[in-house]
Amino acid sequence: MATMAHRIAVWIVTGLLGATAADAHHSIVGVYDPGRQVRLEGVITAFRFVNPHPFVELAVADGDKTDDWRLELDNRHELAALGVTADTLRPGDRVIVTGSGARDSSRRAYVRVLERPGDRFLYEQVGSSPRVRMPAR
């Protein structure tokens, strides 16, 4: 039979693990400001198809310099169900992105629309669900 101290220790560890997981999967509105819209045109330097949210690293020309942005997409599970893979977006792809800028004004955004004009690929966030148009083969 478990002692009271053992039971308390189990509850504490369970609570700490739950708090860590909740912090790792943040609220989109808590991190990104829907009222701070950004529009970016640039070249993908990396696409990380990771959990919980894939992200794009984008180089955006700004006069004589280049700004590096990190752009977060909807959850990996939903994107995979729509046919997105780790190879869907590639370094060198030119894209146009609109989204919600980070509340801390860093070069991060939550993607609402990502277009790749070269082949008409389209990702868009519609309400709480993503929609993807893959290029014709």
C-alpha atoms as a PDB file:
ATOM      1  CA  MET A   1       0.000   0.000   0.000  1.00  0.00           C
ATOM      2  CA  ALA A   2       1.327   3.405  -0.978  1.00  0.00           C
ATOM      3  CA  THR A   3       2.214   5.792   1.772  1.00  0.00           C
ATOM      4  CA  MET A   4       0.754   9.277   1.934  1.00  0.00           C
ATOM      5  CA  ALA A   5       4.174  10.777   1.122  1.00  0.00           C
ATOM      6  CA  HIS A   6       4.400   8.586  -2.008  1.00  0.00           C
ATOM      7  CA  ARG A   7       0.949   9.675  -3.152  1.00  0.00           C
ATOM      8  CA  ILE A   8       1.807  13.343  -2.636  1.00  0.00           C
ATOM      9  CA  ALA A   9       5.057  12.921  -4.586  1.00  0.00           C
ATOM     10  CA  VAL A  10       3.179  11.316  -7.495  1.00  0.00           C
ATOM     11  CA  TRP A  11       0.663  14.209  -7.556  1.00  0.00           C
ATOM     12  CA  ILE A  12       3.448  16.805  -7.511  1.00  0.00           C
ATOM     13  CA  VAL A  13       5.366  15.156 -10.364  1.00  0.00           C
ATOM     14  CA  THR A  14       2.165  14.730 -12.404  1.00  0.00           C
ATOM     15  CA  GLY A  15       1.282  18.389 -11.883  1.00  0.00           C
ATOM     16  CA  LEU A  16       4.748  19.577 -12.901  1.00  0.00           C
ATOM     17  CA  LEU A  17       4.759  17.452 -16.052  1.00  0.00           C
ATOM     18  CA  GLY A  18       1.316  18.714 -17.028  1.00  0.00           C
ATOM     19  CA  ALA A  19       2.343  22.332 -16.501  1.00  0.00           C
ATOM     20  CA  THR A  20       5.459  21.855 -18.643  1.00  0.00           C
ATOM     21  CA  ALA A  21       3.444  20.322 -21.495  1.00  0.00           C
ATOM     22  CA  ALA A  22       0.856  23.092 -21.331  1.00  0.00           C
ATOM     23  CA  ASP A  23       3.578  25.746 -21.448  1.00  0.00           C
ATOM     24  CA  ALA A  24       5.256  24.054 -24.437  1.00  0.00           C
ATOM     25  CA  HIS A  25       2.026  24.173 -26.459  1.00  0.00           C
ATOM     26  CA  HIS A  26       1.180  27.830 -26.231  1.00  0.00           C
ATOM     27  CA  SER A  27      -1.908  29.802 -27.072  1.00  0.00           C
ATOM     28  CA  ILE A  28      -1.542  31.310 -30.553  1.00  0.00           C
ATOM     29  CA  VAL A  29      -3.274  34.519 -29.426  1.00  0.00           C
ATOM     30  CA  GLY A  30      -0.977  34.670 -26.405  1.00  0.00           C
ATOM     31  CA  VAL A  31       2.132  34.780 -28.602  1.00  0.00           C
ATOM     32  CA  TYR A  32       0.867  36.427 -31.803  1.00  0.00           C
ATOM     33  CA  ASP A  33      -1.212  39.599 -32.117  1.00  0.00           C
ATOM     34  CA  PRO A  34      -4.080  39.273 -34.663  1.00  0.00           C
ATOM     35  CA  GLY A  35      -4.166  43.083 -34.823  1.00  0.00           C
ATOM     36  CA  ARG A  36      -0.510  43.264 -35.924  1.00  0.00           C
ATOM     37  CA  GLN A  37      -0.698  42.021 -39.503  1.00  0.00           C
ATOM     38  CA  VAL A  38       2.526  41.466 -41.428  1.00  0.00           C
ATOM     39  CA  ARG A  39       3.078  40.852 -45.140  1.00  0.00           C
ATOM     40  CA  LEU A  40       6.385  39.343 -46.178  1.00  0.00           C
ATOM     41  CA  GLU A  41       7.963  38.329 -49.459  1.00  0.00           C
ATOM     42  CA  GLY A  42      11.079  36.245 -49.273  1.00  0.00           C
ATOM     43  CA  VAL A  43      12.999  33.042 -49.822  1.00  0.00           C
ATOM     44  CA  ILE A  44      12.616  29.975 -47.619  1.00  0.00           C
ATOM     45  CA  THR A  45      15.883  29.020 -45.937  1.00  0.00           C
ATOM     46  CA  ALA A  46      14.424  26.055 -43.996  1.00  0.00           C
ATOM     47  CA  PHE A  47      11.157  24.218 -43.394  1.00  0.00           C
ATOM     48  CA  ARG A  48      10.918  22.328 -40.111  1.00  0.00           C
ATOM     49  CA  PHE A  49       8.027  19.842 -40.204  1.00  0.00           C
ATOM     50  CA  VAL A  50       8.009  19.291 -36.440  1.00  0.00           C
ATOM     51  CA  ASN A  51       5.500  18.855 -33.597  1.00  0.00           C
ATOM     52  CA  PRO A  52       3.532  20.573 -32.353  1.00  0.00           C
ATOM     53  CA  HIS A  53       3.735  23.310 -35.028  1.00  0.00           C
ATOM     54  CA  PRO A  54       5.884  23.222 -38.180  1.00  0.00           C
ATOM     55  CA  PHE A  55       7.666  26.444 -39.017  1.00  0.00           C
ATOM     56  CA  VAL A  56       9.308  28.167 -41.961  1.00  0.00           C
ATOM     57  CA  GLU A  57      12.520  30.157 -41.767  1.00  0.00           C
ATOM     58  CA  LEU A  58      12.311  33.002 -44.284  1.00  0.00           C
ATOM     59  CA  ALA A  59      14.930  35.469 -45.539  1.00  0.00           C
ATOM     60  CA  VAL A  60      13.308  38.819 -46.353  1.00  0.00           C
ATOM     61  CA  ALA A  61      15.260  41.512 -48.206  1.00  0.00           C
ATOM     62  CA  ASP A  62      15.181  44.891 -46.452  1.00  0.00           C
ATOM     63  CA  GLY A  63      17.248  47.368 -48.431  1.00  0.00           C
ATOM     64  CA  ASP A  64      20.907  46.407 -48.133  1.00  0.00           C
ATOM     65  CA  LYS A  65      20.295  43.741 -45.493  1.00  0.00           C
ATOM     66  CA  THR A  66      18.292  40.575 -45.039  1.00  0.00           C
ATOM     67  CA  ASP A  67      15.950  39.964 -42.110  1.00  0.00           C
ATOM     68  CA  ASP A  68      15.432  36.387 -40.926  1.00  0.00           C
ATOM     69  CA  TRP A  69      11.869  35.502 -39.896  1.00  0.00           C
ATOM     70  CA  ARG A  70      10.425  32.438 -38.182  1.00  0.00           C
ATOM     71  CA  LEU A  71       6.884  31.679 -39.357  1.00  0.00           C
ATOM     72  CA  GLU A  72       4.681  29.239 -37.444  1.00  0.00           C
ATOM     73  CA  LEU A  73       2.033  27.099 -39.152  1.00  0.00           C
ATOM     74  CA  ASP A  74      -0.936  25.112 -37.833  1.00  0.00           C
ATOM     75  CA  ASN A  75      -0.340  21.774 -36.121  1.00  0.00           C
ATOM     76  CA  ARG A  76       1.638  19.071 -37.881  1.00  0.00           C
ATOM     77  CA  HIS A  77      -1.072  16.416 -37.607  1.00  0.00           C
ATOM     78  CA  GLU A  78      -3.650  18.480 -39.530  1.00  0.00           C
ATOM     79  CA  LEU A  79      -1.103  19.499 -42.174  1.00  0.00           C
ATOM     80  CA  ALA A  80      -0.009  15.897 -42.713  1.00  0.00           C
ATOM     81  CA  ALA A  81      -3.655  14.872 -43.150  1.00  0.00           C
ATOM     82  CA  LEU A  82      -3.872  17.454 -45.965  1.00  0.00           C
ATOM     83  CA  GLY A  83      -0.835  16.011 -47.750  1.00  0.00           C
ATOM     84  CA  VAL A  84       1.886  18.340 -46.474  1.00  0.00           C
ATOM     85  CA  THR A  85       5.252  16.628 -45.952  1.00  0.00           C
ATOM     86  CA  ALA A  86       8.737  17.704 -44.918  1.00  0.00           C
ATOM     87  CA  ASP A  87       9.460  18.250 -48.641  1.00  0.00           C
ATOM     88  CA  THR A  88       6.421  20.420 -49.454  1.00  0.00           C
ATOM     89  CA  LEU A  89       8.321  23.653 -48.799  1.00  0.00           C
ATOM     90  CA  ARG A  90      11.994  23.760 -49.756  1.00  0.00           C
ATOM     91  CA  PRO A  91      14.941  26.097 -49.285  1.00  0.00           C
ATOM     92  CA  GLY A  92      15.034  28.467 -52.240  1.00  0.00           C
ATOM     93  CA  ASP A  93      11.235  28.613 -52.662  1.00  0.00           C
ATOM     94  CA  ARG A  94      10.015  32.196 -53.124  1.00  0.00           C
ATOM     95  CA  VAL A  95       6.863  32.834 -51.098  1.00  0.00           C
ATOM     96  CA  ILE A  96       4.475  35.592 -50.090  1.00  0.00           C
ATOM     97  CA  VAL A  97       3.166  35.383 -46.527  1.00  0.00           C
ATOM     98  CA  THR A  98       0.578  37.267 -44.505  1.00  0.00           C
ATOM     99  CA  GLY A  99       0.049  36.619 -40.850  1.00  0.00           C
ATOM    100  CA  SER A 100      -0.114  37.834 -37.284  1.00  0.00           C
ATOM    101  CA  GLY A 101       3.081  39.361 -35.920  1.00  0.00           C
ATOM    102  CA  ALA A 102       4.579  38.379 -32.578  1.00  0.00           C
ATOM    103  CA  ARG A 103       3.403  40.304 -29.531  1.00  0.00           C
ATOM    104  CA  ASP A 104       7.035  40.873 -28.499  1.00  0.00           C
ATOM    105  CA  SER A 105       7.765  42.524 -31.907  1.00  0.00           C
ATOM    106  CA  SER A 106      10.387  39.907 -32.774  1.00  0.00           C
ATOM    107  CA  ARG A 107      10.678  38.667 -36.352  1.00  0.00           C
ATOM    108  CA  ARG A 108       8.125  35.903 -35.836  1.00  0.00           C
ATOM    109  CA  ALA A 109       4.610  35.486 -37.162  1.00  0.00           C
ATOM    110  CA  TYR A 110       1.727  33.035 -37.226  1.00  0.00           C
ATOM    111  CA  VAL A 111       0.947  32.318 -40.878  1.00  0.00           C
ATOM    112  CA  ARG A 112      -2.568  33.046 -42.121  1.00  0.00           C
ATOM    113  CA  VAL A 113      -1.725  32.732 -45.842  1.00  0.00           C
ATOM    114  CA  LEU A 114       1.396  31.415 -47.573  1.00  0.00           C
ATOM    115  CA  GLU A 115       1.532  31.487 -51.367  1.00  0.00           C
ATOM    116  CA  ARG A 116       4.223  30.065 -53.623  1.00  0.00           C
ATOM    117  CA  PRO A 117       3.503  31.864 -56.929  1.00  0.00           C
ATOM    118  CA  GLY A 118       5.899  29.664 -58.924  1.00  0.00           C
ATOM    119  CA  ASP A 119       3.510  26.690 -58.836  1.00  0.00           C
ATOM    120  CA  ARG A 120       0.394  28.174 -57.157  1.00  0.00           C
ATOM    121  CA  PHE A 121       0.828  26.249 -53.877  1.00  0.00           C
ATOM    122  CA  LEU A 122      -1.408  27.836 -51.227  1.00  0.00           C
ATOM    123  CA  TYR A 123      -1.637  27.362 -47.481  1.00  0.00           C
ATOM    124  CA  GLU A 124      -4.274  29.303 -45.586  1.00  0.00           C
ATOM    125  CA  GLN A 125      -5.612  29.254 -42.071  1.00  0.00           C
ATOM    126  CA  VAL A 126      -9.425  29.350 -42.226  1.00  0.00           C
ATOM    127  CA  GLY A 127     -10.856  29.752 -38.754  1.00  0.00           C
ATOM    128  CA  SER A 128      -9.191  27.073 -36.671  1.00  0.00           C
ATOM    129  CA  SER A 129      -8.427  24.757 -39.609  1.00  0.00           C
ATOM    130  CA  PRO A 130      -5.773  24.855 -42.302  1.00  0.00           C
ATOM    131  CA  ARG A 131      -6.531  24.536 -45.994  1.00  0.00           C
ATOM    132  CA  VAL A 132      -3.927  23.589 -48.609  1.00  0.00           C
ATOM    133  CA  ARG A 133      -3.963  23.743 -52.394  1.00  0.00           C
ATOM    134  CA  MET A 134      -1.235  21.566 -53.823  1.00  0.00           C
ATOM    135  CA  PRO A 135       0.221  22.338 -57.252  1.00  0.00           C
ATOM    136  CA  ALA A 136      -1.103  20.375 -60.227  1.00  0.00           C
ATOM    137  CA  ARG A 137       1.229  17.557 -61.213  1.00  0.00           C
END
